[in-house]
Amino acid sequence: MPKFLIQATYTPEGTKGLLSEGASGRRAAVEQVVTGLGGKIEAMYFTFGEDDIVLIIDFPDPVSMAAVSLTVKASGALHTRATPLLTIDEIDEAARRQVNFRAPGP
């Protein structure tokens, strides 16, 4: 199942919601969304600094991740970044694949 690293920053409105619900309330909301699309939360941490929350999520396919990303961004409560995560085996497989490429220039 594809894994994704999610990094998010709450907007002022999103932060008000977090303060009112608490972290466990947000965890339950995220869990509902992720499991509703056949996914699983591997890790979820609140942070301080550039990001407010970091998650590692498994989804059955990238389209499920895109659907969640679009819906969350449309809410205006968070600014998010989703990064696909690849295993060592997947990178080994990619390294074995023949790619016909010519760099620009003479």
N, C-alpha and C. Protein backbone atom coordinates (compact mmCIF):
# COMPACT_ATOMS: atom_id res chain seq x y z
N MET A 1 0.86 -1.17 0.00
CA MET A 1 0.00 0.00 0.00
C MET A 1 0.91 1.24 0.00
N PRO A 2 0.67 2.19 -0.90
CA PRO A 2 1.50 3.40 -0.93
C PRO A 2 1.45 4.19 0.38
N LYS A 3 2.61 4.70 0.77
CA LYS A 3 2.74 5.52 1.98
C LYS A 3 2.96 6.97 1.58
N PHE A 4 2.45 7.87 2.41
CA PHE A 4 2.61 9.30 2.18
C PHE A 4 2.99 9.99 3.48
N LEU A 5 3.93 10.93 3.36
CA LEU A 5 4.27 11.82 4.45
C LEU A 5 3.43 13.07 4.27
N ILE A 6 2.65 13.40 5.29
CA ILE A 6 1.81 14.60 5.25
C ILE A 6 2.38 15.59 6.25
N GLN A 7 2.64 16.80 5.77
CA GLN A 7 3.08 17.90 6.63
C GLN A 7 2.03 18.99 6.49
N ALA A 8 1.54 19.50 7.61
CA ALA A 8 0.46 20.47 7.56
C ALA A 8 0.66 21.58 8.57
N THR A 9 0.11 22.73 8.20
CA THR A 9 0.12 23.90 9.05
C THR A 9 -1.32 24.38 9.19
N TYR A 10 -1.77 24.58 10.41
CA TYR A 10 -3.12 25.07 10.64
C TYR A 10 -3.22 26.55 10.30
N THR A 11 -4.34 26.94 9.71
CA THR A 11 -4.67 28.35 9.55
C THR A 11 -5.20 28.83 10.90
N PRO A 12 -5.39 30.13 11.09
CA PRO A 12 -5.97 30.59 12.37
C PRO A 12 -7.30 29.90 12.69
N GLU A 13 -8.15 29.72 11.69
CA GLU A 13 -9.43 29.04 11.94
C GLU A 13 -9.22 27.58 12.33
N GLY A 14 -8.28 26.91 11.66
CA GLY A 14 -7.97 25.52 11.99
C GLY A 14 -7.41 25.39 13.39
N THR A 15 -6.59 26.35 13.80
CA THR A 15 -6.03 26.33 15.15
C THR A 15 -7.13 26.50 16.19
N LYS A 16 -8.11 27.36 15.91
CA LYS A 16 -9.24 27.52 16.84
C LYS A 16 -9.98 26.20 16.99
N GLY A 17 -10.16 25.48 15.89
CA GLY A 17 -10.81 24.17 15.95
C GLY A 17 -10.01 23.18 16.76
N LEU A 18 -8.68 23.17 16.59
CA LEU A 18 -7.82 22.29 17.36
C LEU A 18 -7.91 22.62 18.85
N LEU A 19 -7.90 23.90 19.19
CA LEU A 19 -8.01 24.29 20.60
C LEU A 19 -9.35 23.86 21.19
N SER A 20 -10.40 23.90 20.39
CA SER A 20 -11.71 23.53 20.91
C SER A 20 -11.89 22.01 21.01
N GLU A 21 -11.35 21.24 20.05
CA GLU A 21 -11.51 19.78 20.02
C GLU A 21 -10.42 19.02 20.75
N GLY A 22 -9.24 19.61 20.80
CA GLY A 22 -8.09 18.90 21.34
C GLY A 22 -7.46 17.99 20.30
N ALA A 23 -6.26 17.52 20.60
CA ALA A 23 -5.53 16.66 19.67
C ALA A 23 -6.24 15.34 19.44
N SER A 24 -6.84 14.77 20.49
CA SER A 24 -7.53 13.49 20.33
C SER A 24 -8.75 13.62 19.42
N GLY A 25 -9.41 14.76 19.46
CA GLY A 25 -10.54 14.99 18.55
C GLY A 25 -10.10 15.06 17.10
N ARG A 26 -8.95 15.69 16.86
CA ARG A 26 -8.42 15.76 15.50
C ARG A 26 -7.97 14.40 15.04
N ARG A 27 -7.34 13.62 15.94
CA ARG A 27 -6.91 12.26 15.60
C ARG A 27 -8.10 11.43 15.16
N ALA A 28 -9.20 11.53 15.88
CA ALA A 28 -10.41 10.77 15.53
C ALA A 28 -10.95 11.21 14.17
N ALA A 29 -10.92 12.50 13.89
CA ALA A 29 -11.41 13.00 12.59
C ALA A 29 -10.54 12.51 11.45
N VAL A 30 -9.22 12.55 11.64
CA VAL A 30 -8.30 12.08 10.60
C VAL A 30 -8.48 10.58 10.40
N GLU A 31 -8.57 9.85 11.49
CA GLU A 31 -8.76 8.39 11.41
C GLU A 31 -10.01 8.04 10.61
N GLN A 32 -11.09 8.77 10.84
CA GLN A 32 -12.34 8.51 10.13
C GLN A 32 -12.17 8.72 8.62
N VAL A 33 -11.52 9.79 8.24
CA VAL A 33 -11.30 10.09 6.82
C VAL A 33 -10.41 9.02 6.18
N VAL A 34 -9.30 8.72 6.82
CA VAL A 34 -8.32 7.80 6.25
C VAL A 34 -8.90 6.38 6.14
N THR A 35 -9.50 5.87 7.21
CA THR A 35 -10.05 4.52 7.17
C THR A 35 -11.25 4.44 6.24
N GLY A 36 -11.98 5.54 6.10
CA GLY A 36 -13.12 5.57 5.19
C GLY A 36 -12.73 5.35 3.74
N LEU A 37 -11.48 5.62 3.41
CA LEU A 37 -10.98 5.40 2.05
C LEU A 37 -10.05 4.18 1.98
N GLY A 38 -10.11 3.34 3.01
CA GLY A 38 -9.32 2.11 3.00
C GLY A 38 -7.88 2.29 3.43
N GLY A 39 -7.57 3.41 4.06
CA GLY A 39 -6.20 3.68 4.49
C GLY A 39 -5.96 3.42 5.95
N LYS A 40 -4.74 3.74 6.39
CA LYS A 40 -4.34 3.52 7.77
C LYS A 40 -3.35 4.60 8.17
N ILE A 41 -3.48 5.10 9.39
CA ILE A 41 -2.51 6.05 9.93
C ILE A 41 -1.40 5.24 10.58
N GLU A 42 -0.18 5.41 10.09
CA GLU A 42 0.97 4.74 10.71
C GLU A 42 1.51 5.57 11.87
N ALA A 43 1.54 6.88 11.68
CA ALA A 43 2.05 7.77 12.73
C ALA A 43 1.41 9.14 12.59
N MET A 44 1.20 9.80 13.73
CA MET A 44 0.63 11.15 13.72
C MET A 44 1.25 11.90 14.89
N TYR A 45 1.92 12.99 14.58
CA TYR A 45 2.58 13.79 15.61
C TYR A 45 2.24 15.26 15.43
N PHE A 46 2.00 15.94 16.53
CA PHE A 46 1.88 17.39 16.50
C PHE A 46 3.27 17.95 16.74
N THR A 47 3.58 19.04 16.07
CA THR A 47 4.91 19.62 16.14
C THR A 47 4.78 21.12 16.37
N PHE A 48 5.89 21.79 16.55
CA PHE A 48 5.89 23.24 16.52
C PHE A 48 7.09 23.66 15.70
N GLY A 49 6.93 24.77 15.02
CA GLY A 49 7.91 25.22 14.05
C GLY A 49 7.18 25.51 12.76
N GLU A 50 7.78 25.12 11.65
CA GLU A 50 7.15 25.40 10.35
C GLU A 50 5.86 24.60 10.17
N ASP A 51 5.84 23.36 10.62
CA ASP A 51 4.65 22.51 10.51
C ASP A 51 3.99 22.36 11.88
N ASP A 52 2.68 22.16 11.88
CA ASP A 52 1.94 21.92 13.11
C ASP A 52 1.64 20.45 13.34
N ILE A 53 1.62 19.67 12.25
CA ILE A 53 1.29 18.26 12.35
C ILE A 53 2.02 17.50 11.23
N VAL A 54 2.46 16.29 11.57
CA VAL A 54 3.14 15.42 10.61
C VAL A 54 2.52 14.04 10.74
N LEU A 55 2.19 13.44 9.59
CA LEU A 55 1.58 12.11 9.59
C LEU A 55 2.26 11.23 8.56
N ILE A 56 2.25 9.94 8.81
CA ILE A 56 2.58 8.95 7.78
C ILE A 56 1.32 8.12 7.61
N ILE A 57 0.83 8.11 6.38
CA ILE A 57 -0.45 7.47 6.08
C ILE A 57 -0.28 6.47 4.95
N ASP A 58 -0.93 5.33 5.07
CA ASP A 58 -1.01 4.35 3.99
C ASP A 58 -2.36 4.52 3.31
N PHE A 59 -2.36 4.57 1.99
CA PHE A 59 -3.60 4.59 1.21
C PHE A 59 -3.53 3.51 0.15
N PRO A 60 -4.67 2.99 -0.28
CA PRO A 60 -4.66 1.93 -1.29
C PRO A 60 -4.11 2.42 -2.64
N ASP A 61 -4.21 3.72 -2.89
CA ASP A 61 -3.76 4.25 -4.18
C ASP A 61 -3.57 5.76 -4.08
N PRO A 62 -2.82 6.34 -5.02
CA PRO A 62 -2.59 7.80 -4.99
C PRO A 62 -3.86 8.63 -5.18
N VAL A 63 -4.85 8.08 -5.84
CA VAL A 63 -6.11 8.82 -6.06
C VAL A 63 -6.81 9.07 -4.73
N SER A 64 -6.74 8.11 -3.82
CA SER A 64 -7.33 8.31 -2.48
C SER A 64 -6.62 9.44 -1.76
N MET A 65 -5.30 9.48 -1.87
CA MET A 65 -4.54 10.56 -1.24
C MET A 65 -4.92 11.90 -1.85
N ALA A 66 -5.06 11.94 -3.17
CA ALA A 66 -5.44 13.18 -3.85
C ALA A 66 -6.82 13.63 -3.42
N ALA A 67 -7.75 12.71 -3.25
CA ALA A 67 -9.12 13.06 -2.84
C ALA A 67 -9.11 13.71 -1.46
N VAL A 68 -8.34 13.13 -0.53
CA VAL A 68 -8.25 13.70 0.81
C VAL A 68 -7.58 15.07 0.75
N SER A 69 -6.49 15.16 0.00
CA SER A 69 -5.76 16.42 -0.11
C SER A 69 -6.65 17.54 -0.63
N LEU A 70 -7.41 17.27 -1.67
CA LEU A 70 -8.30 18.29 -2.24
C LEU A 70 -9.35 18.73 -1.23
N THR A 71 -9.94 17.76 -0.54
CA THR A 71 -11.00 18.07 0.42
C THR A 71 -10.47 18.88 1.60
N VAL A 72 -9.30 18.48 2.12
CA VAL A 72 -8.72 19.19 3.26
C VAL A 72 -8.33 20.61 2.85
N LYS A 73 -7.69 20.75 1.70
CA LYS A 73 -7.29 22.09 1.25
C LYS A 73 -8.50 22.99 1.01
N ALA A 74 -9.58 22.42 0.49
CA ALA A 74 -10.80 23.20 0.23
C ALA A 74 -11.43 23.71 1.53
N SER A 75 -11.16 23.03 2.65
CA SER A 75 -11.74 23.46 3.92
C SER A 75 -11.15 24.79 4.39
N GLY A 76 -9.93 25.09 3.96
CA GLY A 76 -9.27 26.31 4.39
C GLY A 76 -8.69 26.23 5.80
N ALA A 77 -8.79 25.08 6.46
CA ALA A 77 -8.33 24.95 7.84
C ALA A 77 -6.85 24.60 7.93
N LEU A 78 -6.29 24.07 6.83
CA LEU A 78 -4.89 23.63 6.84
C LEU A 78 -4.24 23.93 5.51
N HIS A 79 -2.94 24.14 5.56
CA HIS A 79 -2.09 24.14 4.36
C HIS A 79 -1.30 22.85 4.45
N THR A 80 -1.37 22.01 3.41
CA THR A 80 -0.76 20.68 3.49
C THR A 80 0.22 20.43 2.35
N ARG A 81 1.14 19.49 2.62
CA ARG A 81 2.03 18.95 1.61
C ARG A 81 2.01 17.43 1.77
N ALA A 82 1.83 16.73 0.66
CA ALA A 82 1.85 15.26 0.68
C ALA A 82 3.04 14.80 -0.15
N THR A 83 3.88 13.96 0.44
CA THR A 83 5.06 13.44 -0.23
C THR A 83 4.96 11.93 -0.30
N PRO A 84 4.99 11.35 -1.51
CA PRO A 84 5.00 9.88 -1.60
C PRO A 84 6.28 9.33 -0.98
N LEU A 85 6.17 8.25 -0.24
CA LEU A 85 7.33 7.60 0.37
C LEU A 85 7.57 6.27 -0.32
N LEU A 86 8.81 6.02 -0.68
CA LEU A 86 9.17 4.79 -1.38
C LEU A 86 10.04 3.92 -0.48
N THR A 87 9.85 2.62 -0.57
CA THR A 87 10.65 1.68 0.22
C THR A 87 12.02 1.49 -0.44
N ILE A 88 12.92 0.88 0.27
CA ILE A 88 14.23 0.55 -0.28
C ILE A 88 14.07 -0.38 -1.48
N ASP A 89 13.19 -1.38 -1.37
CA ASP A 89 12.96 -2.31 -2.49
C ASP A 89 12.43 -1.58 -3.72
N GLU A 90 11.55 -0.60 -3.51
CA GLU A 90 11.01 0.14 -4.65
C GLU A 90 12.11 0.95 -5.35
N ILE A 91 13.01 1.54 -4.58
CA ILE A 91 14.11 2.28 -5.18
C ILE A 91 15.07 1.33 -5.87
N ASP A 92 15.34 0.17 -5.29
CA ASP A 92 16.18 -0.83 -5.96
C ASP A 92 15.57 -1.23 -7.30
N GLU A 93 14.25 -1.44 -7.32
CA GLU A 93 13.58 -1.79 -8.57
C GLU A 93 13.70 -0.66 -9.58
N ALA A 94 13.52 0.56 -9.13
CA ALA A 94 13.64 1.71 -10.03
C ALA A 94 15.06 1.81 -10.59
N ALA A 95 16.05 1.54 -9.77
CA ALA A 95 17.44 1.62 -10.21
C ALA A 95 17.76 0.57 -11.27
N ARG A 96 17.06 -0.56 -11.25
CA ARG A 96 17.29 -1.62 -12.24
C ARG A 96 16.60 -1.36 -13.57
N ARG A 97 15.63 -0.48 -13.59
CA ARG A 97 14.90 -0.23 -14.83
C ARG A 97 15.74 0.57 -15.82
N GLN A 98 15.66 0.14 -17.07
CA GLN A 98 16.39 0.82 -18.13
C GLN A 98 15.62 2.07 -18.55
N VAL A 99 16.30 3.21 -18.56
CA VAL A 99 15.67 4.46 -18.96
C VAL A 99 16.52 5.07 -20.07
N ASN A 100 15.90 5.32 -21.21
CA ASN A 100 16.60 5.99 -22.32
C ASN A 100 16.45 7.48 -22.16
N PHE A 101 17.54 8.14 -21.78
CA PHE A 101 17.51 9.56 -21.51
C PHE A 101 18.78 10.19 -22.05
N ARG A 102 18.63 11.37 -22.65
CA ARG A 102 19.77 12.13 -23.11
C ARG A 102 19.70 13.48 -22.43
N ALA A 103 20.76 13.85 -21.75
CA ALA A 103 20.81 15.15 -21.09
C ALA A 103 20.84 16.26 -22.13
N PRO A 104 20.35 17.46 -21.79
CA PRO A 104 20.37 18.55 -22.76
C PRO A 104 21.80 18.99 -23.07
N GLY A 105 21.97 19.50 -24.26
CA GLY A 105 23.28 20.01 -24.66
C GLY A 105 23.95 19.12 -25.70
N PRO A 106 25.12 19.54 -26.12
CA PRO A 106 25.82 18.77 -27.18
C PRO A 106 26.37 17.45 -26.72
